[in-house]
Protein backbone atom coordinates (compact mmCIF):
# COMPACT_ATOMS: atom_id res chain seq x y z
CA MET A 1 41.82 34.04 15.38
CA GLU A 2 42.94 33.56 12.06
CA GLU A 3 39.61 33.05 8.98
CA LYS A 4 39.80 30.16 6.52
CA GLU A 5 37.98 30.53 3.10
CA GLY A 6 35.81 28.19 1.79
CA LEU A 7 32.40 27.47 0.58
CA PHE A 8 29.50 26.99 2.17
CA VAL A 9 27.32 23.74 0.94
CA SER A 10 23.36 23.58 1.70
CA VAL A 11 22.78 20.19 2.25
CA GLN A 12 19.60 19.23 2.32
CA THR A 13 18.79 15.58 3.42
CA GLN A 14 15.88 13.17 2.59
CA THR A 15 14.68 9.67 4.00
CA VAL A 16 13.56 7.46 0.70
CA PRO A 17 11.25 4.23 1.92
CA GLU A 18 13.53 1.37 1.09
CA GLN A 19 11.61 0.54 -1.70
CA GLU A 20 11.65 3.16 -3.49
CA VAL A 21 15.55 3.49 -3.75
CA GLY A 22 16.25 2.68 -7.47
CA THR A 23 18.07 -0.47 -7.44
CA GLY A 24 15.52 -2.82 -9.32
CA LEU A 25 15.48 -5.34 -6.70
CA ASP A 26 12.18 -4.30 -5.66
CA HIS A 27 9.65 -3.67 -8.21
CA LEU A 28 6.09 -2.28 -6.55
CA TRP A 29 2.74 -4.12 -6.81
CA MET A 30 -0.43 -4.02 -6.43
CA VAL A 31 -3.47 -5.56 -4.24
CA ILE A 32 -6.32 -6.03 -5.99
CA LEU A 33 -9.55 -6.42 -4.31
CA PHE A 34 -12.77 -7.22 -6.23
CA ASN A 35 -15.94 -6.74 -5.29
CA ASP A 36 -17.72 -9.16 -2.80
CA ASP A 37 -21.20 -10.30 -2.48
CA ASP A 38 -21.02 -12.70 0.46
CA HIS A 39 -19.58 -10.40 3.18
CA ALA A 40 -21.21 -7.42 5.15
CA PHE A 41 -20.05 -4.12 3.80
CA ASP A 42 -18.60 -3.45 7.32
CA GLN A 43 -16.65 -6.80 7.69
CA VAL A 44 -14.86 -5.94 4.02
CA VAL A 45 -14.35 -2.32 5.62
CA ALA A 46 -12.87 -3.78 8.87
CA GLN A 47 -10.95 -6.93 6.94
CA VAL A 48 -8.91 -3.96 4.30
CA GLN A 49 -7.86 -2.26 7.60
CA LYS A 50 -6.30 -5.46 9.04
CA ALA A 51 -4.73 -5.92 6.27
CA THR A 52 -3.39 -2.37 4.82
CA GLY A 53 -3.34 -0.39 8.43
CA CYS A 54 -5.00 2.16 6.58
CA SER A 55 -7.68 4.51 8.45
CA PRO A 56 -11.50 3.35 8.34
CA GLY A 57 -12.14 6.00 6.70
CA GLU A 58 -9.45 5.03 3.75
CA ALA A 59 -10.83 1.52 4.36
CA PHE A 60 -14.46 2.00 3.52
CA GLN A 61 -13.39 4.18 0.25
CA ILE A 62 -11.26 0.95 -1.01
CA THR A 63 -14.38 -0.95 -0.24
CA TYR A 64 -16.55 1.39 -1.74
CA THR A 65 -14.88 2.33 -5.15
CA ALA A 66 -14.25 -2.08 -5.77
CA HIS A 67 -18.20 -2.20 -4.69
CA THR A 68 -19.19 0.46 -6.46
CA ASN A 69 -16.10 -0.55 -9.98
CA GLY A 70 -16.15 -4.30 -9.49
CA GLN A 71 -12.57 -4.21 -8.12
CA ALA A 72 -10.01 -1.43 -6.14
CA VAL A 73 -6.80 -1.18 -5.90
CA ALA A 74 -6.52 -1.81 -1.72
CA TYR A 75 -2.41 -1.63 -1.40
CA VAL A 76 0.84 -1.00 -3.25
CA GLY A 77 4.41 -1.59 -2.00
CA GLY A 78 6.86 -5.08 -2.94
CA LYS A 79 5.66 -7.94 -3.30
CA ALA A 80 6.29 -9.51 -0.05
CA GLN A 81 3.97 -6.32 1.51
CA CYS A 82 1.92 -7.19 -1.14
CA GLU A 83 1.58 -10.69 -0.47
CA GLN A 84 1.23 -10.28 2.94
CA VAL A 85 -1.71 -7.84 2.47
CA ALA A 86 -3.53 -10.61 0.30
CA SER A 87 -3.03 -13.55 3.03
CA VAL A 88 -5.09 -11.17 5.66
CA LEU A 89 -7.52 -9.96 3.17
CA ARG A 90 -8.21 -13.84 2.05
CA GLU A 91 -8.22 -14.94 5.44
CA ILE A 92 -11.59 -14.52 4.93
CA ASP A 93 -12.08 -15.96 1.37
CA LEU A 94 -11.81 -12.45 -0.46
CA HIS A 95 -10.85 -12.27 -3.58
CA VAL A 96 -7.65 -10.60 -3.94
CA GLU A 97 -4.57 -10.95 -7.08
CA LEU A 98 -1.50 -9.52 -7.21
CA GLU A 99 -0.23 -7.35 -10.03
CA GLU A 100 2.86 -5.62 -10.89
CA ALA A 101 2.41 -2.20 -10.79
């Protein structure tokens, strides 16, 4: 059996979400949720969870932050994703805005 000379190179692979790849085509955006006095707290929590897909605890924290600070970052992602999240939040007339991150 013949031995071959060479190098052993350790390679690690990391999966990077498409939006984070440095193409410059998809900047990050934020959905800002503003405090709401017209809906029950639990109704806002449920809508945040529906819009973002986050856990009930995360939705509670986002809603609580908006309630106590006047606004909270509800979601960060690509512009199209943020527009979709904002659309779901607006289904019940919550006040949201999109800002570039």
